[in-house]
Structure formats: structure tokens, C-alpha cells
PDB file of N, CA and C in Angstrom:
ATOM      1  N   MET A   1     -19.924  49.459 -10.345  1.00  0.00           N
ATOM      2  CA  MET A   1     -20.292  51.393 -10.725  1.00  0.00           C
ATOM      3  C   MET A   1     -20.573  51.391 -12.368  1.00  0.00           C
ATOM      4  N   GLU A   2     -21.365  52.128 -12.369  1.00  0.00           N
ATOM      5  CA  GLU A   2     -21.640  52.327 -13.780  1.00  0.00           C
ATOM      6  C   GLU A   2     -22.038  53.550 -14.107  1.00  0.00           C
ATOM      7  N   LYS A   3     -22.174  53.677 -15.698  1.00  0.00           N
ATOM      8  CA  LYS A   3     -21.779  55.560 -15.711  1.00  0.00           C
ATOM      9  C   LYS A   3     -22.885  55.383 -17.027  1.00  0.00           C
ATOM     10  N   GLU A   4     -23.517  56.237 -16.996  1.00  0.00           N
ATOM     11  CA  GLU A   4     -24.535  56.566 -18.281  1.00  0.00           C
ATOM     12  C   GLU A   4     -24.061  57.310 -19.029  1.00  0.00           C
ATOM     13  N   ILE A   5     -24.326  56.239 -20.501  1.00  0.00           N
ATOM     14  CA  ILE A   5     -23.305  56.761 -21.981  1.00  0.00           C
ATOM     15  C   ILE A   5     -24.303  56.694 -23.234  1.00  0.00           C
ATOM     16  N   GLY A   6     -25.969  56.365 -22.667  1.00  0.00           N
ATOM     17  CA  GLY A   6     -26.032  57.207 -23.891  1.00  0.00           C
ATOM     18  C   GLY A   6     -28.030  56.628 -23.971  1.00  0.00           C
ATOM     19  N   ARG A   7     -28.932  56.721 -24.335  1.00  0.00           N
ATOM     20  CA  ARG A   7     -30.562  56.539 -24.484  1.00  0.00           C
ATOM     21  C   ARG A   7     -30.610  55.706 -26.010  1.00  0.00           C
ATOM     22  N   ILE A   8     -31.816  54.844 -25.523  1.00  0.00           N
ATOM     23  CA  ILE A   8     -32.073  54.231 -27.016  1.00  0.00           C
ATOM     24  C   ILE A   8     -33.186  55.023 -28.060  1.00  0.00           C
ATOM     25  N   ILE A   9     -32.723  55.109 -28.999  1.00  0.00           N
ATOM     26  CA  ILE A   9     -33.991  56.225 -29.967  1.00  0.00           C
ATOM     27  C   ILE A   9     -34.541  55.467 -31.025  1.00  0.00           C
ATOM     28  N   HIS A  10     -34.643  53.875 -31.119  1.00  0.00           N
ATOM     29  CA  HIS A  10     -35.347  53.246 -31.610  1.00  0.00           C
ATOM     30  C   HIS A  10     -35.355  52.372 -31.308  1.00  0.00           C
ATOM     31  N   TYR A  11     -36.314  51.254 -31.830  1.00  0.00           N
ATOM     32  CA  TYR A  11     -35.945  49.988 -31.589  1.00  0.00           C
ATOM     33  C   TYR A  11     -36.868  48.840 -32.439  1.00  0.00           C
ATOM     34  N   PHE A  12     -36.110  47.774 -33.664  1.00  0.00           N
ATOM     35  CA  PHE A  12     -36.534  46.971 -34.513  1.00  0.00           C
ATOM     36  C   PHE A  12     -37.375  45.791 -33.917  1.00  0.00           C
ATOM     37  N   ALA A  13     -37.930  45.731 -33.171  1.00  0.00           N
ATOM     38  CA  ALA A  13     -38.632  44.238 -32.717  1.00  0.00           C
ATOM     39  C   ALA A  13     -38.454  43.387 -34.001  1.00  0.00           C
ATOM     40  N   ARG A  14     -38.339  42.995 -34.680  1.00  0.00           N
ATOM     41  CA  ARG A  14     -38.397  41.769 -35.794  1.00  0.00           C
ATOM     42  C   ARG A  14     -37.085  41.715 -35.916  1.00  0.00           C
ATOM     43  N   VAL A  15     -35.909  42.531 -35.975  1.00  0.00           N
ATOM     44  CA  VAL A  15     -34.669  41.696 -35.715  1.00  0.00           C
ATOM     45  C   VAL A  15     -33.948  42.240 -34.353  1.00  0.00           C
ATOM     46  N   GLY A  16     -34.586  42.590 -33.292  1.00  0.00           N
ATOM     47  CA  GLY A  16     -34.087  42.821 -32.113  1.00  0.00           C
ATOM     48  C   GLY A  16     -33.067  43.852 -31.923  1.00  0.00           C
ATOM     49  N   VAL A  17     -33.196  44.643 -32.752  1.00  0.00           N
ATOM     50  CA  VAL A  17     -31.761  45.985 -32.513  1.00  0.00           C
ATOM     51  C   VAL A  17     -32.555  47.395 -32.048  1.00  0.00           C
ATOM     52  N   ALA A  18     -32.052  47.406 -31.164  1.00  0.00           N
ATOM     53  CA  ALA A  18     -31.665  48.901 -30.470  1.00  0.00           C
ATOM     54  C   ALA A  18     -31.055  50.083 -31.281  1.00  0.00           C
ATOM     55  N   VAL A  19     -31.365  50.971 -31.777  1.00  0.00           N
ATOM     56  CA  VAL A  19     -30.445  52.080 -32.156  1.00  0.00           C
ATOM     57  C   VAL A  19     -30.226  52.774 -30.543  1.00  0.00           C
ATOM     58  N   CYS A  20     -28.610  53.253 -30.569  1.00  0.00           N
ATOM     59  CA  CYS A  20     -28.437  54.006 -29.143  1.00  0.00           C
ATOM     60  C   CYS A  20     -27.711  54.784 -29.773  1.00  0.00           C
ATOM     61  N   GLU A  21     -27.970  56.134 -29.079  1.00  0.00           N
ATOM     62  CA  GLU A  21     -27.491  57.478 -29.558  1.00  0.00           C
ATOM     63  C   GLU A  21     -26.369  57.643 -28.147  1.00  0.00           C
ATOM     64  N   ILE A  22     -24.965  57.553 -28.413  1.00  0.00           N
ATOM     65  CA  ILE A  22     -24.229  57.740 -27.037  1.00  0.00           C
ATOM     66  C   ILE A  22     -23.880  59.535 -27.038  1.00  0.00           C
ATOM     67  N   THR A  23     -24.198  59.562 -25.419  1.00  0.00           N
ATOM     68  CA  THR A  23     -24.211  60.854 -25.080  1.00  0.00           C
ATOM     69  C   THR A  23     -23.294  60.930 -24.344  1.00  0.00           C
ATOM     70  N   GLY A  24     -22.326  59.785 -24.000  1.00  0.00           N
ATOM     71  CA  GLY A  24     -20.972  60.218 -22.928  1.00  0.00           C
ATOM     72  C   GLY A  24     -20.428  59.053 -22.448  1.00  0.00           C
ATOM     73  N   GLY A  25     -18.713  59.251 -22.939  1.00  0.00           N
ATOM     74  CA  GLY A  25     -18.079  57.854 -22.974  1.00  0.00           C
ATOM     75  C   GLY A  25     -18.399  57.458 -24.414  1.00  0.00           C
ATOM     76  N   ARG A  26     -17.388  55.956 -23.992  1.00  0.00           N
ATOM     77  CA  ARG A  26     -17.305  54.937 -25.396  1.00  0.00           C
ATOM     78  C   ARG A  26     -17.720  53.515 -25.106  1.00  0.00           C
ATOM     79  N   LEU A  27     -19.016  53.340 -25.875  1.00  0.00           N
ATOM     80  CA  LEU A  27     -19.311  51.703 -25.935  1.00  0.00           C
ATOM     81  C   LEU A  27     -18.537  51.167 -26.544  1.00  0.00           C
ATOM     82  N   GLU A  28     -18.188  49.673 -26.303  1.00  0.00           N
ATOM     83  CA  GLU A  28     -17.263  48.650 -27.187  1.00  0.00           C
ATOM     84  C   GLU A  28     -17.488  47.253 -26.916  1.00  0.00           C
ATOM     85  N   ARG A  29     -17.486  46.414 -28.005  1.00  0.00           N
ATOM     86  CA  ARG A  29     -17.931  44.875 -27.789  1.00  0.00           C
ATOM     87  C   ARG A  29     -17.307  44.868 -26.727  1.00  0.00           C
ATOM     88  N   GLY A  30     -18.204  43.948 -26.453  1.00  0.00           N
ATOM     89  CA  GLY A  30     -17.746  43.435 -24.877  1.00  0.00           C
ATOM     90  C   GLY A  30     -17.939  44.189 -23.896  1.00  0.00           C
ATOM     91  N   ASP A  31     -18.665  44.872 -23.718  1.00  0.00           N
ATOM     92  CA  ASP A  31     -18.381  45.779 -22.438  1.00  0.00           C
ATOM     93  C   ASP A  31     -19.976  45.154 -21.832  1.00  0.00           C
ATOM     94  N   ILE A  32     -20.611  45.681 -20.585  1.00  0.00           N
ATOM     95  CA  ILE A  32     -21.830  44.700 -20.424  1.00  0.00           C
ATOM     96  C   ILE A  32     -22.615  46.258 -20.194  1.00  0.00           C
ATOM     97  N   ILE A  33     -23.474  45.854 -20.079  1.00  0.00           N
ATOM     98  CA  ILE A  33     -24.373  47.307 -20.179  1.00  0.00           C
ATOM     99  C   ILE A  33     -25.699  46.443 -19.657  1.00  0.00           C
ATOM    100  N   ARG A  34     -26.774  47.734 -18.795  1.00  0.00           N
ATOM    101  CA  ARG A  34     -27.872  48.018 -18.365  1.00  0.00           C
ATOM    102  C   ARG A  34     -28.730  49.119 -19.056  1.00  0.00           C
ATOM    103  N   ILE A  35     -29.308  48.320 -19.568  1.00  0.00           N
ATOM    104  CA  ILE A  35     -30.865  49.250 -19.946  1.00  0.00           C
ATOM    105  C   ILE A  35     -31.632  49.385 -19.227  1.00  0.00           C
ATOM    106  N   SER A  36     -32.258  50.688 -19.048  1.00  0.00           N
ATOM    107  CA  SER A  36     -33.163  50.928 -18.223  1.00  0.00           C
ATOM    108  C   SER A  36     -34.045  52.193 -17.845  1.00  0.00           C
ATOM    109  N   GLY A  37     -35.054  51.666 -18.127  1.00  0.00           N
ATOM    110  CA  GLY A  37     -36.430  52.173 -18.355  1.00  0.00           C
ATOM    111  C   GLY A  37     -37.822  52.233 -17.547  1.00  0.00           C
ATOM    112  N   ARG A  38     -38.948  53.272 -17.729  1.00  0.00           N
ATOM    113  CA  ARG A  38     -40.330  52.760 -16.971  1.00  0.00           C
ATOM    114  C   ARG A  38     -40.291  51.907 -16.855  1.00  0.00           C
ATOM    115  N   ARG A  39     -40.530  50.618 -17.653  1.00  0.00           N
ATOM    116  CA  ARG A  39     -41.577  49.398 -17.994  1.00  0.00           C
ATOM    117  C   ARG A  39     -39.430  48.355 -18.487  1.00  0.00           C
ATOM    118  N   THR A  40     -38.686  49.055 -18.420  1.00  0.00           N
ATOM    119  CA  THR A  40     -37.715  47.935 -18.611  1.00  0.00           C
ATOM    120  C   THR A  40     -36.047  48.287 -18.028  1.00  0.00           C
ATOM    121  N   GLU A  41     -35.911  47.044 -17.882  1.00  0.00           N
ATOM    122  CA  GLU A  41     -34.571  46.531 -16.961  1.00  0.00           C
ATOM    123  C   GLU A  41     -33.851  45.410 -17.493  1.00  0.00           C
ATOM    124  N   LEU A  42     -32.851  46.014 -18.609  1.00  0.00           N
ATOM    125  CA  LEU A  42     -31.917  44.827 -18.960  1.00  0.00           C
ATOM    126  C   LEU A  42     -30.691  44.676 -18.771  1.00  0.00           C
ATOM    127  N   TYR A  43     -29.977  43.559 -18.590  1.00  0.00           N
ATOM    128  CA  TYR A  43     -28.409  43.398 -18.413  1.00  0.00           C
ATOM    129  C   TYR A  43     -28.154  42.622 -19.428  1.00  0.00           C
ATOM    130  N   GLN A  44     -27.256  42.814 -20.070  1.00  0.00           N
ATOM    131  CA  GLN A  44     -26.395  42.121 -21.387  1.00  0.00           C
ATOM    132  C   GLN A  44     -25.063  42.664 -21.439  1.00  0.00           C
ATOM    133  N   GLN A  45     -24.293  42.070 -22.045  1.00  0.00           N
ATOM    134  CA  GLN A  45     -23.452  42.164 -23.137  1.00  0.00           C
ATOM    135  C   GLN A  45     -23.326  42.716 -24.242  1.00  0.00           C
ATOM    136  N   VAL A  46     -22.489  43.434 -24.615  1.00  0.00           N
ATOM    137  CA  VAL A  46     -22.701  44.161 -26.074  1.00  0.00           C
ATOM    138  C   VAL A  46     -22.093  43.230 -26.934  1.00  0.00           C
ATOM    139  N   ASP A  47     -22.640  42.300 -27.677  1.00  0.00           N
ATOM    140  CA  ASP A  47     -22.182  41.447 -28.632  1.00  0.00           C
ATOM    141  C   ASP A  47     -21.996  41.482 -29.774  1.00  0.00           C
ATOM    142  N   SER A  48     -23.041  43.241 -30.429  1.00  0.00           N
ATOM    143  CA  SER A  48     -23.026  43.013 -31.869  1.00  0.00           C
ATOM    144  C   SER A  48     -23.150  44.898 -32.013  1.00  0.00           C
ATOM    145  N   LEU A  49     -22.011  45.337 -32.372  1.00  0.00           N
ATOM    146  CA  LEU A  49     -22.293  46.969 -32.367  1.00  0.00           C
ATOM    147  C   LEU A  49     -21.773  47.603 -33.827  1.00  0.00           C
ATOM    148  N   GLU A  50     -22.759  47.974 -34.651  1.00  0.00           N
ATOM    149  CA  GLU A  50     -22.547  48.854 -36.182  1.00  0.00           C
ATOM    150  C   GLU A  50     -23.145  50.175 -36.216  1.00  0.00           C
ATOM    151  N   VAL A  51     -22.112  50.653 -36.826  1.00  0.00           N
ATOM    152  CA  VAL A  51     -22.571  52.160 -37.096  1.00  0.00           C
ATOM    153  C   VAL A  51     -22.883  51.924 -38.953  1.00  0.00           C
ATOM    154  N   ASP A  52     -23.597  52.440 -39.651  1.00  0.00           N
ATOM    155  CA  ASP A  52     -24.626  52.737 -40.878  1.00  0.00           C
ATOM    156  C   ASP A  52     -24.060  51.212 -41.540  1.00  0.00           C
ATOM    157  N   HIS A  53     -24.834  50.152 -40.623  1.00  0.00           N
ATOM    158  CA  HIS A  53     -24.900  48.849 -41.075  1.00  0.00           C
ATOM    159  C   HIS A  53     -23.221  48.221 -41.247  1.00  0.00           C
ATOM    160  N   ARG A  54     -22.650  48.361 -40.670  1.00  0.00           N
ATOM    161  CA  ARG A  54     -20.877  48.156 -40.648  1.00  0.00           C
ATOM    162  C   ARG A  54     -20.443  47.842 -39.203  1.00  0.00           C
ATOM    163  N   ALA A  55     -19.932  46.741 -38.860  1.00  0.00           N
ATOM    164  CA  ALA A  55     -19.744  46.269 -37.591  1.00  0.00           C
ATOM    165  C   ALA A  55     -18.253  47.444 -37.193  1.00  0.00           C
ATOM    166  N   VAL A  56     -18.291  47.494 -35.864  1.00  0.00           N
ATOM    167  CA  VAL A  56     -17.134  48.575 -35.418  1.00  0.00           C
ATOM    168  C   VAL A  56     -17.209  47.890 -34.043  1.00  0.00           C
ATOM    169  N   PRO A  57     -16.230  48.255 -33.547  1.00  0.00           N
ATOM    170  CA  PRO A  57     -15.429  47.555 -32.386  1.00  0.00           C
ATOM    171  C   PRO A  57     -15.439  48.180 -31.402  1.00  0.00           C
ATOM    172  N   SER A  58     -15.953  49.758 -31.768  1.00  0.00           N
ATOM    173  CA  SER A  58     -16.036  50.543 -30.405  1.00  0.00           C
ATOM    174  C   SER A  58     -16.730  52.033 -31.341  1.00  0.00           C
ATOM    175  N   ALA A  59     -17.353  52.952 -30.240  1.00  0.00           N
ATOM    176  CA  ALA A  59     -18.672  54.182 -31.214  1.00  0.00           C
ATOM    177  C   ALA A  59     -17.996  54.937 -29.821  1.00  0.00           C
ATOM    178  N   ASP A  60     -17.794  56.665 -30.238  1.00  0.00           N
ATOM    179  CA  ASP A  60     -17.675  57.219 -29.344  1.00  0.00           C
ATOM    180  C   ASP A  60     -19.114  57.769 -29.108  1.00  0.00           C
ATOM    181  N   ARG A  61     -18.488  59.083 -28.085  1.00  0.00           N
ATOM    182  CA  ARG A  61     -19.974  60.698 -27.842  1.00  0.00           C
ATOM    183  C   ARG A  61     -20.420  60.857 -29.116  1.00  0.00           C
ATOM    184  N   GLY A  62     -21.707  61.099 -29.493  1.00  0.00           N
ATOM    185  CA  GLY A  62     -21.967  61.751 -30.559  1.00  0.00           C
ATOM    186  C   GLY A  62     -22.831  61.001 -31.550  1.00  0.00           C
ATOM    187  N   VAL A  63     -22.309  59.736 -31.237  1.00  0.00           N
ATOM    188  CA  VAL A  63     -22.704  58.265 -32.733  1.00  0.00           C
ATOM    189  C   VAL A  63     -23.589  57.849 -31.618  1.00  0.00           C
ATOM    190  N   LYS A  64     -24.311  57.128 -33.541  1.00  0.00           N
ATOM    191  CA  LYS A  64     -25.579  56.427 -33.006  1.00  0.00           C
ATOM    192  C   LYS A  64     -25.336  55.045 -34.034  1.00  0.00           C
ATOM    193  N   VAL A  65     -25.545  54.273 -33.155  1.00  0.00           N
ATOM    194  CA  VAL A  65     -25.240  52.430 -32.988  1.00  0.00           C
ATOM    195  C   VAL A  65     -26.274  51.971 -32.891  1.00  0.00           C
ATOM    196  N   GLY A  66     -26.501  51.326 -33.487  1.00  0.00           N
ATOM    197  CA  GLY A  66     -27.082  49.652 -33.648  1.00  0.00           C
ATOM    198  C   GLY A  66     -26.499  48.668 -32.738  1.00  0.00           C
ATOM    199  N   LEU A  67     -27.182  48.187 -31.646  1.00  0.00           N
ATOM    200  CA  LEU A  67     -26.795  46.720 -30.892  1.00  0.00           C
ATOM    201  C   LEU A  67     -27.530  45.821 -30.906  1.00  0.00           C
ATOM    202  N   LYS A  68     -27.481  44.903 -30.961  1.00  0.00           N
ATOM    203  CA  LYS A  68     -29.030  43.702 -30.814  1.00  0.00           C
ATOM    204  C   LYS A  68     -28.602  43.736 -29.046  1.00  0.00           C
ATOM    205  N   VAL A  69     -29.926  43.694 -28.928  1.00  0.00           N
ATOM    206  CA  VAL A  69     -30.836  42.984 -27.601  1.00  0.00           C
ATOM    207  C   VAL A  69     -31.335  42.112 -27.199  1.00  0.00           C
ATOM    208  N   ASN A  70     -31.435  41.500 -25.992  1.00  0.00           N
ATOM    209  CA  ASN A  70     -32.044  40.592 -25.633  1.00  0.00           C
ATOM    210  C   ASN A  70     -33.420  40.367 -25.487  1.00  0.00           C
ATOM    211  N   ALA A  71     -33.681  41.569 -25.663  1.00  0.00           N
ATOM    212  CA  ALA A  71     -35.252  41.819 -24.858  1.00  0.00           C
ATOM    213  C   ALA A  71     -35.991  43.209 -25.469  1.00  0.00           C
ATOM    214  N   ARG A  72     -37.155  43.435 -25.565  1.00  0.00           N
ATOM    215  CA  ARG A  72     -37.531  45.012 -25.947  1.00  0.00           C
ATOM    216  C   ARG A  72     -37.040  45.777 -25.624  1.00  0.00           C
ATOM    217  N   VAL A  73     -36.637  47.050 -26.184  1.00  0.00           N
ATOM    218  CA  VAL A  73     -36.311  48.090 -25.382  1.00  0.00           C
ATOM    219  C   VAL A  73     -37.250  49.222 -25.927  1.00  0.00           C
ATOM    220  N   ARG A  74     -37.584  50.425 -25.230  1.00  0.00           N
ATOM    221  CA  ARG A  74     -38.170  51.598 -25.811  1.00  0.00           C
ATOM    222  C   ARG A  74     -37.561  52.881 -26.320  1.00  0.00           C
ATOM    223  N   PRO A  75     -37.916  53.844 -26.984  1.00  0.00           N
ATOM    224  CA  PRO A  75     -37.193  55.063 -27.098  1.00  0.00           C
ATOM    225  C   PRO A  75     -37.257  56.091 -25.519  1.00  0.00           C
ATOM    226  N   ASN A  76     -35.936  56.154 -25.701  1.00  0.00           N
ATOM    227  CA  ASN A  76     -35.694  56.937 -23.873  1.00  0.00           C
ATOM    228  C   ASN A  76     -35.091  56.142 -22.721  1.00  0.00           C
ATOM    229  N   ASP A  77     -35.606  54.595 -22.959  1.00  0.00           N
ATOM    230  CA  ASP A  77     -34.610  53.909 -22.231  1.00  0.00           C
ATOM    231  C   ASP A  77     -33.159  54.604 -21.913  1.00  0.00           C
ATOM    232  N   ARG A  78     -32.403  54.044 -20.637  1.00  0.00           N
ATOM    233  CA  ARG A  78     -30.885  54.885 -20.508  1.00  0.00           C
ATOM    234  C   ARG A  78     -30.030  53.631 -20.642  1.00  0.00           C
ATOM    235  N   VAL A  79     -28.734  54.168 -21.008  1.00  0.00           N
ATOM    236  CA  VAL A  79     -27.870  52.955 -21.528  1.00  0.00           C
ATOM    237  C   VAL A  79     -26.801  53.257 -20.698  1.00  0.00           C
ATOM    238  N   PHE A  80     -26.735  51.851 -19.659  1.00  0.00           N
ATOM    239  CA  PHE A  80     -25.772  52.422 -18.683  1.00  0.00           C
ATOM    240  C   PHE A  80     -24.360  51.404 -19.033  1.00  0.00           C
ATOM    241  N   LYS A  81     -23.161  51.965 -18.557  1.00  0.00           N
ATOM    242  CA  LYS A  81     -22.158  51.110 -18.913  1.00  0.00           C
ATOM    243  C   LYS A  81     -21.326  50.554 -17.495  1.00  0.00           C
ATOM    244  N   TYR A  82     -21.134  49.623 -17.211  1.00  0.00           N
ATOM    245  CA  TYR A  82     -20.381  49.136 -15.882  1.00  0.00           C
ATOM    246  C   TYR A  82     -19.157  49.676 -15.840  1.00  0.00           C
ATOM    247  N   ALA A  83     -18.291  50.057 -15.348  1.00  0.00           N
ATOM    248  CA  ALA A  83     -16.828  50.730 -15.522  1.00  0.00           C
ATOM    249  C   ALA A  83     -15.946  49.644 -15.221  1.00  0.00           C
ATOM    250  N   ASP A  84     -16.378  48.605 -14.108  1.00  0.00           N
ATOM    251  CA  ASP A  84     -15.887  47.311 -14.170  1.00  0.00           C
ATOM    252  C   ASP A  84     -15.536  46.681 -15.187  1.00  0.00           C
ATOM    253  N   ASP A  85     -14.840  45.050 -14.248  1.00  0.00           N
ATOM    254  CA  ASP A  85     -14.886  44.493 -15.244  1.00  0.00           C
ATOM    255  C   ASP A  85     -15.689  43.394 -15.921  1.00  0.00           C
ATOM    256  N   PRO A  86     -15.805  42.736 -16.874  1.00  0.00           N
ATOM    257  CA  PRO A  86     -17.185  41.896 -17.132  1.00  0.00           C
ATOM    258  C   PRO A  86     -17.244  41.452 -16.025  1.00  0.00           C
ATOM    259  N   GLU A  87     -16.690  40.243 -15.557  1.00  0.00           N
ATOM    260  CA  GLU A  87     -16.661  39.692 -15.121  1.00  0.00           C
ATOM    261  C   GLU A  87     -17.760  39.658 -13.650  1.00  0.00           C
ATOM    262  N   LYS A  88     -18.574  41.222 -13.071  1.00  0.00           N
ATOM    263  CA  LYS A  88     -19.185  41.742 -12.937  1.00  0.00           C
ATOM    264  C   LYS A  88     -20.395  41.080 -12.984  1.00  0.00           C
ATOM    265  N   MET A  89     -20.955  40.595 -14.525  1.00  0.00           N
ATOM    266  CA  MET A  89     -22.279  40.239 -14.680  1.00  0.00           C
ATOM    267  C   MET A  89     -22.535  38.821 -13.941  1.00  0.00           C
ATOM    268  N   SER A  90     -21.702  38.012 -13.872  1.00  0.00           N
ATOM    269  CA  SER A  90     -22.103  37.306 -13.006  1.00  0.00           C
ATOM    270  C   SER A  90     -22.403  37.433 -11.909  1.00  0.00           C
ATOM    271  N   ARG A  91     -22.322  38.342 -11.267  1.00  0.00           N
ATOM    272  CA  ARG A  91     -22.838  38.605  -9.771  1.00  0.00           C
ATOM    273  C   ARG A  91     -24.091  39.197  -9.971  1.00  0.00           C
ATOM    274  N   ILE A  92     -25.172  39.897 -10.648  1.00  0.00           N
ATOM    275  CA  ILE A  92     -25.851  40.279 -10.690  1.00  0.00           C
ATOM    276  C   ILE A  92     -27.050  39.335 -11.042  1.00  0.00           C
TER     277      ILE A  92
END
């Protein structure tokens, strides 16, 4: 089961970091996310989460966070969080 928690507002290609605006729920380091858009389909675990260039363990609704991504993402891509345990990632 997954829940939409935000959208990508910017992508820094040189460093592979996306800025995500959290619009619902909470995003924590270690969560499994899916980033989906017209030309994007990416599954990954959140390893790096930053607010104002400072590492944070989690971010709530209304916060813009930087997160390291494994592939190119685009503005307006939607970000989903898996509600179940992280082991679900191994079955994807």
C-alpha cells in the first residue's frame, strides 16, 4: 500500500538531488518511496534527507526537503511512500 506524500519541485542533476515539497504525511530516513511521472518511475529507499542543507531524520507536511535520488526526476513528479515495512522493497 502506498500514499502520496509530495511532489518534486526541482532537480539538481550535477549532484543527483531532488527537492520535494511534502504535501501529506511524514517522510523519514529509511522509508521506501516511489517517484512517478510521465517519464519517471523510480523506487528507492530514502538514505539522505536534508532541510536547509542540514541532515534531518524526518520531515512533515509543508516542508521542502532535499533528497538524494538514484536517477533523474522531473518537476511535478509525484512522490509516494509505502505504508508497510521496508522489506516490501525486495518484492518490487
